[in-house]
N, C-alpha and C. Protein backbone atom coordinates (compact mmCIF):
# COMPACT_ATOMS: atom_id res chain seq x y z
N MET A 1 8.02 -22.34 -6.00
CA MET A 1 9.27 -23.06 -5.74
C MET A 1 9.49 -24.27 -6.40
N ALA A 2 10.31 -24.44 -7.21
CA ALA A 2 10.63 -25.86 -7.98
C ALA A 2 10.74 -26.74 -6.96
N ALA A 3 10.31 -28.29 -7.12
CA ALA A 3 10.39 -29.46 -6.23
C ALA A 3 11.80 -30.08 -6.55
N THR A 4 12.27 -30.52 -5.67
CA THR A 4 13.84 -31.02 -5.86
C THR A 4 13.67 -32.51 -5.37
N ILE A 5 14.30 -33.16 -5.94
CA ILE A 5 14.44 -34.74 -5.61
C ILE A 5 15.44 -35.00 -4.98
N ASP A 6 15.34 -35.79 -3.56
CA ASP A 6 16.40 -36.35 -2.87
C ASP A 6 16.26 -37.76 -2.90
N ALA A 7 17.08 -38.57 -3.88
CA ALA A 7 16.84 -40.07 -4.02
C ALA A 7 17.97 -40.75 -3.19
N THR A 8 18.60 -40.16 -2.07
CA THR A 8 19.72 -40.70 -1.48
C THR A 8 19.22 -42.06 -0.75
N LEU A 9 19.74 -43.01 -1.04
CA LEU A 9 19.83 -44.42 -0.49
C LEU A 9 19.92 -44.38 1.08
N GLN A 10 18.94 -44.80 1.59
CA GLN A 10 18.80 -44.77 3.17
C GLN A 10 18.82 -43.28 3.71
N GLY A 11 18.65 -42.41 2.83
CA GLY A 11 18.62 -40.83 3.44
C GLY A 11 17.60 -40.62 4.68
N ALA A 12 18.19 -39.80 5.27
CA ALA A 12 17.13 -39.41 6.25
C ALA A 12 16.31 -38.04 5.73
N SER A 13 16.69 -37.51 4.79
CA SER A 13 15.82 -36.51 4.00
C SER A 13 15.36 -37.02 2.72
N ALA A 14 15.49 -38.22 2.33
CA ALA A 14 14.95 -38.76 1.02
C ALA A 14 13.66 -38.47 0.84
N ASN A 15 13.18 -38.08 -0.48
CA ASN A 15 11.52 -38.03 -0.86
C ASN A 15 11.41 -38.86 -2.37
N SER A 16 12.55 -39.72 -2.46
CA SER A 16 12.29 -40.17 -3.74
C SER A 16 12.99 -41.57 -3.74
N TYR A 17 12.34 -42.44 -4.41
CA TYR A 17 12.92 -44.07 -4.70
C TYR A 17 13.91 -43.79 -6.12
N VAL A 18 13.59 -42.85 -6.84
CA VAL A 18 14.30 -42.66 -8.28
C VAL A 18 14.76 -41.18 -8.48
N THR A 19 15.63 -40.94 -9.31
CA THR A 19 16.27 -39.67 -9.88
C THR A 19 15.13 -39.14 -11.11
N LEU A 20 15.04 -38.15 -11.26
CA LEU A 20 14.62 -37.65 -12.63
C LEU A 20 15.58 -38.28 -13.69
N ALA A 21 16.75 -38.14 -13.65
CA ALA A 21 17.60 -38.89 -14.88
C ALA A 21 17.29 -40.39 -14.85
N GLU A 22 17.09 -40.92 -13.90
CA GLU A 22 16.42 -42.48 -14.27
C GLU A 22 15.33 -42.60 -14.97
N ALA A 23 14.44 -41.58 -14.47
CA ALA A 23 12.91 -41.73 -14.85
C ALA A 23 13.01 -41.26 -16.31
N ASN A 24 13.90 -40.11 -16.65
CA ASN A 24 14.05 -40.06 -18.28
C ASN A 24 14.72 -41.04 -18.91
N ALA A 25 15.74 -41.78 -18.71
CA ALA A 25 16.22 -43.04 -19.38
C ALA A 25 15.22 -44.14 -19.41
N TYR A 26 14.42 -44.27 -18.22
CA TYR A 26 13.63 -45.33 -18.32
C TYR A 26 12.39 -45.25 -19.55
N PHE A 27 11.90 -43.73 -19.58
CA PHE A 27 10.86 -43.64 -20.35
C PHE A 27 11.62 -43.49 -21.98
N GLU A 28 12.71 -43.55 -22.36
CA GLU A 28 13.53 -43.28 -23.24
C GLU A 28 13.27 -44.77 -23.84
N THR A 29 12.93 -45.80 -22.85
CA THR A 29 13.09 -47.34 -23.72
C THR A 29 11.49 -47.69 -23.73
N THR A 30 10.54 -47.01 -23.59
CA THR A 30 9.39 -47.32 -23.65
C THR A 30 8.55 -46.88 -25.04
N PRO A 31 7.76 -47.71 -25.41
CA PRO A 31 7.03 -47.76 -26.82
C PRO A 31 6.57 -46.03 -27.17
N ASP A 32 6.14 -45.45 -25.97
CA ASP A 32 5.42 -44.25 -26.31
C ASP A 32 6.03 -43.31 -25.11
N ASP A 33 6.99 -42.41 -25.39
CA ASP A 33 7.36 -41.57 -24.01
C ASP A 33 6.85 -40.37 -24.11
N SER A 34 6.05 -39.96 -25.16
CA SER A 34 5.41 -38.62 -25.38
C SER A 34 4.57 -37.89 -24.18
N THR A 35 3.97 -39.07 -23.32
CA THR A 35 3.34 -38.49 -22.05
C THR A 35 4.05 -38.33 -20.81
N TRP A 36 5.36 -38.23 -21.15
CA TRP A 36 6.37 -37.73 -20.26
C TRP A 36 7.64 -36.90 -20.67
N VAL A 37 7.93 -37.08 -21.74
CA VAL A 37 8.79 -35.79 -22.31
C VAL A 37 7.96 -34.50 -22.43
N ASN A 38 6.62 -34.42 -22.74
CA ASN A 38 6.14 -33.22 -22.77
C ASN A 38 5.55 -32.34 -21.54
N LYS A 39 6.31 -33.24 -20.29
CA LYS A 39 6.15 -32.35 -19.13
C LYS A 39 7.31 -31.69 -18.68
N THR A 40 7.18 -30.49 -17.89
CA THR A 40 8.57 -30.08 -17.55
C THR A 40 9.16 -30.59 -16.51
N ASP A 41 10.54 -30.10 -16.14
CA ASP A 41 11.27 -31.14 -15.08
C ASP A 41 10.69 -30.89 -13.70
N ASP A 42 10.04 -29.82 -13.44
CA ASP A 42 9.23 -29.43 -12.15
C ASP A 42 8.04 -30.39 -12.05
N GLN A 43 7.52 -30.46 -13.15
CA GLN A 43 6.23 -31.26 -13.09
C GLN A 43 6.68 -32.77 -13.12
N LYS A 44 7.63 -33.27 -13.64
CA LYS A 44 8.14 -34.53 -13.61
C LYS A 44 8.79 -34.91 -12.01
N ASN A 45 9.36 -33.85 -11.58
CA ASN A 45 10.13 -33.94 -10.12
C ASN A 45 8.61 -34.26 -9.12
N ARG A 46 7.74 -33.03 -9.43
CA ARG A 46 6.57 -33.42 -8.38
C ARG A 46 5.80 -34.78 -8.44
N ALA A 47 5.82 -35.27 -9.78
CA ALA A 47 5.03 -36.62 -10.18
C ALA A 47 5.93 -37.59 -9.33
N ILE A 48 7.29 -37.64 -9.39
CA ILE A 48 8.04 -38.71 -8.87
C ILE A 48 7.99 -38.55 -7.28
N ILE A 49 8.06 -37.42 -6.89
CA ILE A 49 8.08 -37.48 -5.30
C ILE A 49 6.76 -37.75 -4.91
N SER A 50 5.37 -37.54 -5.62
CA SER A 50 4.20 -38.03 -5.22
C SER A 50 4.10 -39.32 -5.51
N ALA A 51 4.47 -39.89 -6.25
CA ALA A 51 4.49 -41.64 -6.68
C ALA A 51 5.31 -42.13 -5.47
N THR A 52 6.20 -41.57 -5.28
CA THR A 52 7.00 -42.17 -4.18
C THR A 52 6.14 -42.26 -2.54
N ARG A 53 5.72 -40.91 -2.39
CA ARG A 53 4.72 -41.01 -1.38
C ARG A 53 3.78 -42.03 -1.28
N PHE A 54 2.99 -42.20 -2.20
CA PHE A 54 1.87 -43.14 -2.39
C PHE A 54 2.16 -44.44 -2.29
N ILE A 55 3.64 -44.97 -3.01
CA ILE A 55 4.19 -46.20 -2.91
C ILE A 55 4.61 -46.56 -1.34
N ASP A 56 5.19 -45.43 -0.75
CA ASP A 56 5.67 -45.58 0.62
C ASP A 56 4.44 -45.64 1.52
N ASP A 57 3.33 -45.54 1.06
CA ASP A 57 2.28 -45.84 2.04
C ASP A 57 1.73 -47.44 2.27
N PHE A 58 2.54 -48.08 1.71
CA PHE A 58 2.23 -49.61 1.41
C PHE A 58 2.93 -50.00 2.72
N GLU A 59 2.36 -51.47 3.24
CA GLU A 59 3.25 -52.12 4.39
C GLU A 59 4.04 -53.12 3.33
N PHE A 60 5.40 -53.13 3.50
CA PHE A 60 6.08 -53.99 2.99
C PHE A 60 6.82 -55.00 3.96
N TYR A 61 7.02 -56.29 3.32
CA TYR A 61 7.72 -57.16 3.77
C TYR A 61 9.37 -56.79 4.07
N GLY A 62 9.65 -57.35 4.79
CA GLY A 62 11.29 -57.02 5.46
C GLY A 62 11.21 -55.92 6.57
N ASP A 63 12.62 -55.58 6.62
CA ASP A 63 12.86 -54.65 7.53
C ASP A 63 13.56 -53.27 6.85
N ARG A 64 13.58 -51.92 7.48
CA ARG A 64 14.08 -50.94 6.84
C ARG A 64 15.41 -50.97 7.34
N CYS A 65 16.25 -50.78 6.55
CA CYS A 65 17.84 -51.02 6.82
C CYS A 65 18.21 -50.04 7.67
N THR A 66 17.76 -48.75 8.13
CA THR A 66 18.16 -47.93 9.20
C THR A 66 16.78 -47.20 9.86
N THR A 67 17.05 -46.99 11.11
CA THR A 67 16.16 -46.27 11.83
C THR A 67 15.67 -44.81 11.47
N THR A 68 16.85 -44.54 10.70
CA THR A 68 16.92 -42.86 10.60
C THR A 68 16.50 -42.52 8.97
N GLN A 69 16.38 -43.83 8.03
CA GLN A 69 16.11 -43.66 6.64
C GLN A 69 14.42 -42.95 6.62
N ALA A 70 14.27 -41.96 5.72
CA ALA A 70 13.14 -41.42 5.64
C ALA A 70 11.77 -42.17 5.01
N LEU A 71 12.55 -42.93 4.03
CA LEU A 71 11.53 -43.83 3.07
C LEU A 71 11.73 -45.28 3.45
N LYS A 72 10.55 -46.17 3.24
CA LYS A 72 10.51 -47.56 3.65
C LYS A 72 11.46 -48.42 2.76
N TRP A 73 12.27 -47.83 1.53
CA TRP A 73 12.83 -48.38 1.07
C TRP A 73 14.21 -47.92 1.18
N PRO A 74 15.35 -48.55 1.11
CA PRO A 74 15.72 -50.17 1.10
C PRO A 74 15.37 -51.05 2.13
N ARG A 75 15.00 -51.90 1.90
CA ARG A 75 14.71 -53.07 3.17
C ARG A 75 15.39 -54.19 3.03
N ASP A 76 15.76 -55.16 4.04
CA ASP A 76 16.35 -56.38 4.05
C ASP A 76 15.51 -57.17 4.73
N ASN A 77 16.07 -58.52 4.94
CA ASN A 77 15.18 -59.62 5.55
C ASN A 77 14.02 -60.19 4.73
N TYR A 78 14.49 -60.09 3.65
CA TYR A 78 13.16 -60.79 2.74
C TYR A 78 13.53 -61.27 1.33
N THR A 79 12.95 -62.11 0.90
CA THR A 79 13.66 -62.95 -0.43
C THR A 79 12.34 -62.96 -1.59
N VAL A 80 12.79 -62.60 -2.61
CA VAL A 80 11.69 -62.44 -3.65
C VAL A 80 12.34 -63.10 -4.91
N ASP A 81 11.65 -64.22 -5.31
CA ASP A 81 12.09 -64.98 -6.45
C ASP A 81 13.57 -65.53 -6.54
N GLY A 82 13.97 -66.00 -5.20
CA GLY A 82 15.33 -66.28 -4.72
C GLY A 82 16.32 -65.24 -4.66
N ILE A 83 15.85 -63.86 -4.69
CA ILE A 83 16.98 -62.87 -4.43
C ILE A 83 16.60 -62.12 -3.27
N LYS A 84 17.69 -62.16 -2.29
CA LYS A 84 17.27 -61.41 -1.05
C LYS A 84 17.63 -59.94 -1.05
N LEU A 85 16.72 -59.57 -0.87
CA LEU A 85 16.64 -57.91 -0.57
C LEU A 85 18.04 -57.66 0.09
N GLU A 86 18.48 -56.51 -0.45
CA GLU A 86 19.46 -55.84 0.38
C GLU A 86 19.73 -54.33 0.69
N CYS A 87 20.29 -53.71 1.45
CA CYS A 87 20.59 -52.39 1.83
C CYS A 87 21.14 -51.59 0.81
N THR A 88 21.77 -52.23 -0.17
CA THR A 88 22.29 -51.50 -1.07
C THR A 88 21.30 -51.07 -2.33
N LEU A 89 20.33 -51.35 -2.52
CA LEU A 89 19.62 -51.21 -3.83
C LEU A 89 18.01 -51.13 -3.51
N ILE A 90 17.32 -50.47 -4.34
CA ILE A 90 15.95 -50.63 -4.26
C ILE A 90 15.42 -51.36 -5.40
N PRO A 91 14.70 -52.53 -5.40
CA PRO A 91 14.26 -53.61 -6.46
C PRO A 91 13.94 -52.67 -7.71
N ASP A 92 14.31 -53.23 -9.15
CA ASP A 92 13.77 -52.39 -10.35
C ASP A 92 12.12 -52.37 -10.08
N GLU A 93 11.53 -53.42 -9.60
CA GLU A 93 10.07 -53.35 -9.69
C GLU A 93 9.47 -52.09 -8.97
N VAL A 94 10.32 -51.82 -8.07
CA VAL A 94 9.53 -50.83 -7.18
C VAL A 94 10.00 -49.37 -7.77
N LYS A 95 11.34 -49.47 -8.48
CA LYS A 95 11.38 -48.17 -9.12
C LYS A 95 10.55 -48.29 -10.23
N VAL A 96 10.42 -48.98 -11.32
CA VAL A 96 9.29 -49.15 -12.55
C VAL A 96 8.09 -48.53 -11.86
N GLY A 97 7.77 -49.39 -10.71
CA GLY A 97 6.02 -48.84 -10.37
C GLY A 97 6.15 -47.17 -9.97
N THR A 98 7.52 -46.83 -9.43
CA THR A 98 7.50 -45.38 -9.12
C THR A 98 7.29 -44.74 -10.46
N PHE A 99 8.20 -45.07 -11.37
CA PHE A 99 8.00 -44.19 -12.84
C PHE A 99 6.87 -44.19 -13.38
N GLU A 100 6.18 -45.27 -13.53
CA GLU A 100 4.59 -45.66 -14.18
C GLU A 100 3.69 -44.73 -13.50
N LEU A 101 3.72 -44.93 -12.04
CA LEU A 101 2.91 -43.85 -11.16
C LEU A 101 3.16 -42.56 -11.56
N ALA A 102 4.21 -42.10 -11.60
CA ALA A 102 4.94 -40.71 -11.68
C ALA A 102 4.01 -40.42 -12.78
N ARG A 103 4.27 -41.04 -14.06
CA ARG A 103 3.92 -40.78 -15.38
C ARG A 103 2.28 -40.60 -15.10
N ALA A 104 1.64 -41.37 -14.73
CA ALA A 104 0.16 -41.27 -14.60
C ALA A 104 -0.16 -40.05 -13.79
N LEU A 105 0.17 -39.72 -12.68
CA LEU A 105 0.02 -38.66 -11.84
C LEU A 105 0.40 -37.29 -12.47
N ALA A 106 1.39 -37.25 -13.19
CA ALA A 106 1.75 -36.10 -14.26
C ALA A 106 0.61 -35.58 -15.07
N ASN A 107 0.35 -36.86 -15.79
CA ASN A 107 -0.90 -36.79 -16.94
C ASN A 107 -2.28 -36.43 -16.26
N ASN A 108 -2.20 -36.78 -14.93
CA ASN A 108 -3.76 -36.65 -14.15
C ASN A 108 -3.71 -36.47 -12.73
N PRO A 109 -3.02 -34.94 -12.61
CA PRO A 109 -2.76 -34.92 -11.13
C PRO A 109 -3.87 -34.71 -10.27
N ASP A 110 -5.01 -34.72 -10.55
CA ASP A 110 -6.17 -34.84 -9.65
C ASP A 110 -6.87 -36.32 -9.69
N ALA A 111 -6.12 -37.21 -9.97
CA ALA A 111 -6.73 -38.71 -10.14
C ALA A 111 -6.91 -39.13 -8.70
N LEU A 112 -6.28 -38.91 -7.82
CA LEU A 112 -6.53 -39.31 -6.50
C LEU A 112 -7.22 -38.43 -5.37
N THR A 113 -7.38 -37.28 -5.86
CA THR A 113 -8.20 -36.32 -5.01
C THR A 113 -9.51 -36.63 -4.56
N GLY A 114 -10.39 -37.83 -5.16
CA GLY A 114 -11.52 -37.91 -4.90
C GLY A 114 -12.55 -36.78 -5.08
N SER A 115 -13.82 -37.09 -4.76
CA SER A 115 -14.92 -36.15 -4.69
C SER A 115 -14.68 -35.02 -3.95
N LYS A 116 -14.92 -33.75 -4.49
CA LYS A 116 -14.85 -32.40 -3.69
C LYS A 116 -16.00 -32.20 -2.92
N GLY A 117 -16.86 -33.09 -2.75
CA GLY A 117 -18.30 -32.96 -2.23
C GLY A 117 -19.35 -32.26 -2.92
N THR A 118 -18.86 -31.83 -3.99
CA THR A 118 -20.18 -31.15 -4.87
C THR A 118 -20.41 -31.89 -5.87
N ASP A 119 -20.02 -33.02 -6.47
CA ASP A 119 -20.29 -33.88 -7.35
C ASP A 119 -20.27 -35.18 -7.10
N GLY A 120 -21.46 -35.68 -7.35
CA GLY A 120 -21.77 -37.02 -6.83
C GLY A 120 -21.82 -37.91 -8.07
N THR A 121 -22.29 -39.39 -7.99
CA THR A 121 -22.29 -40.04 -8.77
C THR A 121 -23.52 -40.10 -9.74
N TYR A 122 -24.56 -39.64 -9.08
CA TYR A 122 -25.97 -39.32 -9.72
C TYR A 122 -26.76 -37.94 -9.27
N GLU A 123 -27.42 -37.43 -9.97
CA GLU A 123 -28.12 -35.83 -9.54
C GLU A 123 -29.25 -36.66 -9.21
N GLU A 124 -29.94 -37.51 -9.80
CA GLU A 124 -31.33 -38.08 -9.51
C GLU A 124 -31.48 -39.54 -10.16
N VAL A 125 -32.40 -40.27 -9.50
CA VAL A 125 -32.84 -41.67 -9.98
C VAL A 125 -34.45 -41.70 -9.96
N LYS A 126 -34.96 -42.17 -10.99
CA LYS A 126 -36.19 -42.53 -11.29
C LYS A 126 -36.16 -44.13 -11.40
N LEU A 127 -37.28 -44.58 -10.72
CA LEU A 127 -37.75 -45.97 -11.14
C LEU A 127 -39.36 -45.88 -11.20
N GLY A 128 -40.18 -45.70 -12.20
CA GLY A 128 -41.60 -45.87 -12.42
C GLY A 128 -41.96 -44.40 -11.86
N ASP A 129 -42.65 -44.25 -10.68
CA ASP A 129 -43.29 -43.32 -10.05
C ASP A 129 -42.15 -42.81 -8.96
N LEU A 130 -41.40 -43.76 -8.55
CA LEU A 130 -40.43 -43.32 -7.45
C LEU A 130 -39.36 -42.54 -8.04
N GLU A 131 -38.92 -41.37 -7.39
CA GLU A 131 -37.98 -40.41 -7.72
C GLU A 131 -37.20 -40.02 -6.59
N VAL A 132 -35.74 -40.13 -6.68
CA VAL A 132 -35.02 -39.66 -5.62
C VAL A 132 -34.04 -38.55 -6.26
N LYS A 133 -34.09 -37.24 -5.63
CA LYS A 133 -33.20 -36.34 -6.02
C LYS A 133 -32.21 -36.05 -5.02
N TYR A 134 -30.91 -36.00 -5.35
CA TYR A 134 -29.98 -35.77 -4.37
C TYR A 134 -29.35 -34.32 -4.39
N ASN A 135 -28.92 -33.88 -3.10
CA ASN A 135 -28.52 -32.71 -3.03
C ASN A 135 -26.97 -32.61 -3.16
N THR A 136 -26.50 -32.38 -4.47
CA THR A 136 -25.15 -32.89 -4.97
C THR A 136 -24.20 -31.73 -4.09
N MET A 137 -24.56 -30.90 -3.29
CA MET A 137 -23.58 -29.96 -2.45
C MET A 137 -23.24 -30.98 -1.22
N SER A 138 -23.93 -32.15 -0.90
CA SER A 138 -23.58 -32.60 0.52
C SER A 138 -23.22 -34.26 0.00
N GLN A 139 -22.46 -34.20 -1.00
CA GLN A 139 -21.75 -35.44 -1.52
C GLN A 139 -20.53 -35.86 -0.14
N ASN A 140 -20.31 -37.01 0.17
CA ASN A 140 -19.17 -37.24 0.87
C ASN A 140 -17.94 -37.02 0.27
N PRO A 141 -16.90 -36.06 0.67
CA PRO A 141 -15.85 -35.89 -0.18
C PRO A 141 -14.73 -36.89 0.13
N GLY A 142 -13.78 -37.26 -0.75
CA GLY A 142 -12.54 -37.79 -0.56
C GLY A 142 -12.91 -39.55 -0.62
N MET A 143 -13.80 -39.83 -1.56
CA MET A 143 -14.25 -41.20 -1.79
C MET A 143 -13.38 -42.24 -2.27
N VAL A 144 -11.83 -41.80 -2.44
CA VAL A 144 -10.95 -42.65 -2.94
C VAL A 144 -10.28 -43.29 -1.69
N ASN A 145 -9.98 -44.66 -1.75
CA ASN A 145 -9.46 -45.24 -0.34
C ASN A 145 -8.10 -45.50 -0.67
N THR A 146 -7.46 -45.97 -1.79
CA THR A 146 -6.27 -46.32 -1.94
C THR A 146 -5.75 -45.92 -3.24
N ILE A 147 -4.58 -46.20 -3.55
CA ILE A 147 -3.85 -45.82 -4.92
C ILE A 147 -4.23 -46.96 -5.79
N LEU A 148 -4.47 -48.11 -5.03
CA LEU A 148 -4.80 -49.37 -5.90
C LEU A 148 -6.41 -49.14 -6.51
N ASP A 149 -7.14 -48.12 -5.64
CA ASP A 149 -8.37 -48.18 -6.16
C ASP A 149 -8.53 -47.18 -7.67
N VAL A 150 -7.52 -46.58 -7.73
CA VAL A 150 -7.30 -45.68 -9.17
C VAL A 150 -6.60 -46.46 -10.07
N PHE A 151 -5.21 -46.68 -9.52
CA PHE A 151 -4.36 -47.52 -10.34
C PHE A 151 -4.02 -48.88 -9.86
N PRO A 152 -5.16 -49.82 -10.15
CA PRO A 152 -4.41 -51.09 -9.51
C PRO A 152 -3.49 -51.84 -10.29
N TRP A 153 -3.03 -51.39 -11.60
CA TRP A 153 -1.96 -51.96 -12.13
C TRP A 153 -0.45 -51.73 -11.36
N VAL A 154 -0.43 -50.68 -10.41
CA VAL A 154 0.71 -50.52 -9.39
C VAL A 154 1.13 -51.82 -8.73
N ALA A 155 0.01 -52.64 -8.38
CA ALA A 155 0.40 -53.92 -7.60
C ALA A 155 1.02 -54.78 -8.68
N THR A 156 0.69 -54.79 -9.83
CA THR A 156 1.64 -55.77 -10.64
C THR A 156 3.19 -55.54 -10.45
N TYR A 157 3.60 -54.26 -10.30
CA TYR A 157 5.23 -53.95 -9.73
C TYR A 157 5.62 -54.29 -8.71
N ILE A 158 4.99 -53.72 -7.47
CA ILE A 158 5.44 -53.84 -6.07
C ILE A 158 4.43 -55.01 -5.45
N GLY A 159 3.82 -55.46 -5.93
CA GLY A 159 3.07 -56.60 -5.05
C GLY A 159 3.94 -57.50 -4.59
N PRO A 160 4.88 -58.09 -4.95
CA PRO A 160 5.59 -59.15 -4.57
C PRO A 160 6.39 -58.67 -3.36
N TYR A 161 6.26 -57.36 -2.89
CA TYR A 161 7.08 -56.97 -1.88
C TYR A 161 6.07 -56.21 -0.94
N THR A 162 4.87 -56.25 -1.31
CA THR A 162 4.06 -55.58 -0.24
C THR A 162 2.98 -56.63 0.53
N MET A 163 2.40 -56.36 1.72
CA MET A 163 1.36 -57.09 2.26
C MET A 163 -0.14 -57.25 1.69
N ALA A 164 0.15 -56.33 0.58
CA ALA A 164 -0.97 -56.37 -0.16
C ALA A 164 -1.05 -57.28 -1.45
N GLY A 165 -0.13 -57.42 -1.60
CA GLY A 165 -0.13 -58.55 -2.61
C GLY A 165 -0.03 -58.15 -4.15
N ALA A 166 0.16 -59.09 -5.03
CA ALA A 166 0.38 -58.43 -6.33
C ALA A 166 -1.28 -58.65 -7.19
N SER A 167 -2.06 -59.53 -6.47
CA SER A 167 -3.41 -59.67 -7.18
C SER A 167 -4.58 -59.66 -6.49
N SER A 168 -4.26 -59.74 -4.96
CA SER A 168 -5.48 -59.75 -4.11
C SER A 168 -4.73 -59.30 -2.73
N ARG A 169 -5.88 -59.04 -1.86
CA ARG A 169 -5.62 -58.50 -0.55
C ARG A 169 -5.10 -59.67 0.39
N MET A 170 -3.79 -59.61 0.90
CA MET A 170 -3.51 -60.81 1.54
C MET A 170 -3.22 -60.40 3.38
N ILE A 171 -3.75 -61.31 3.96
CA ILE A 171 -3.51 -61.13 5.60
C ILE A 171 -2.43 -62.07 5.84
N LYS A 172 -1.62 -61.77 7.10
CA LYS A 172 -0.92 -62.97 7.65
C LYS A 172 -1.81 -63.64 8.83
N LEU A 173 -1.75 -65.05 8.58
CA LEU A 173 -2.35 -65.99 9.58
C LEU A 173 -1.34 -66.64 10.25
N GLU A 174 -1.38 -66.39 11.71
CA GLU A 174 -0.61 -67.29 12.47
C GLU A 174 -1.60 -68.27 13.32
N ARG A 175 -1.25 -69.69 13.26
CA ARG A 175 -1.89 -70.43 14.00
C ARG A 175 -1.07 -70.94 15.49
N GLY A 176 -1.71 -70.93 16.56
CA GLY A 176 -1.11 -71.27 17.58
C GLY A 176 -1.11 -72.46 18.23
């Protein structure tokens, strides 16, 4: 079954921050769109929906605009660079982050799957007479923790809006 994008702002069934048309228009303006235009519309839709899911896993500043919206955007009650978030739009940085992550996922769909438990980093390690052989069938699966482990550049787009920050992990400190 073909993937269908629902990018309805504040939609209860929305599954994307962007439409396929927006993504195609964005990539027409990039220096190299060959890694996007060589995908089918279904591959692009799946990548866009997946990118939205991964970005939606972040904790964002501000508040959801409605309690019924499926996604975390749009938001309000937060200001970035003097611009107050509004419920009528999703910031361009979030959209561009979605476009670029979608392209990365479309070109490497297994990037975030982590270890399948059958392949480890090392098969054996030797240091002089000391030798350790690993049972590669017992490696821990799923070693990837977050999208930032694999695609750290995503933070350059969405960082100002997330509690994870643009360049480092941030925690909220309250003094009493």
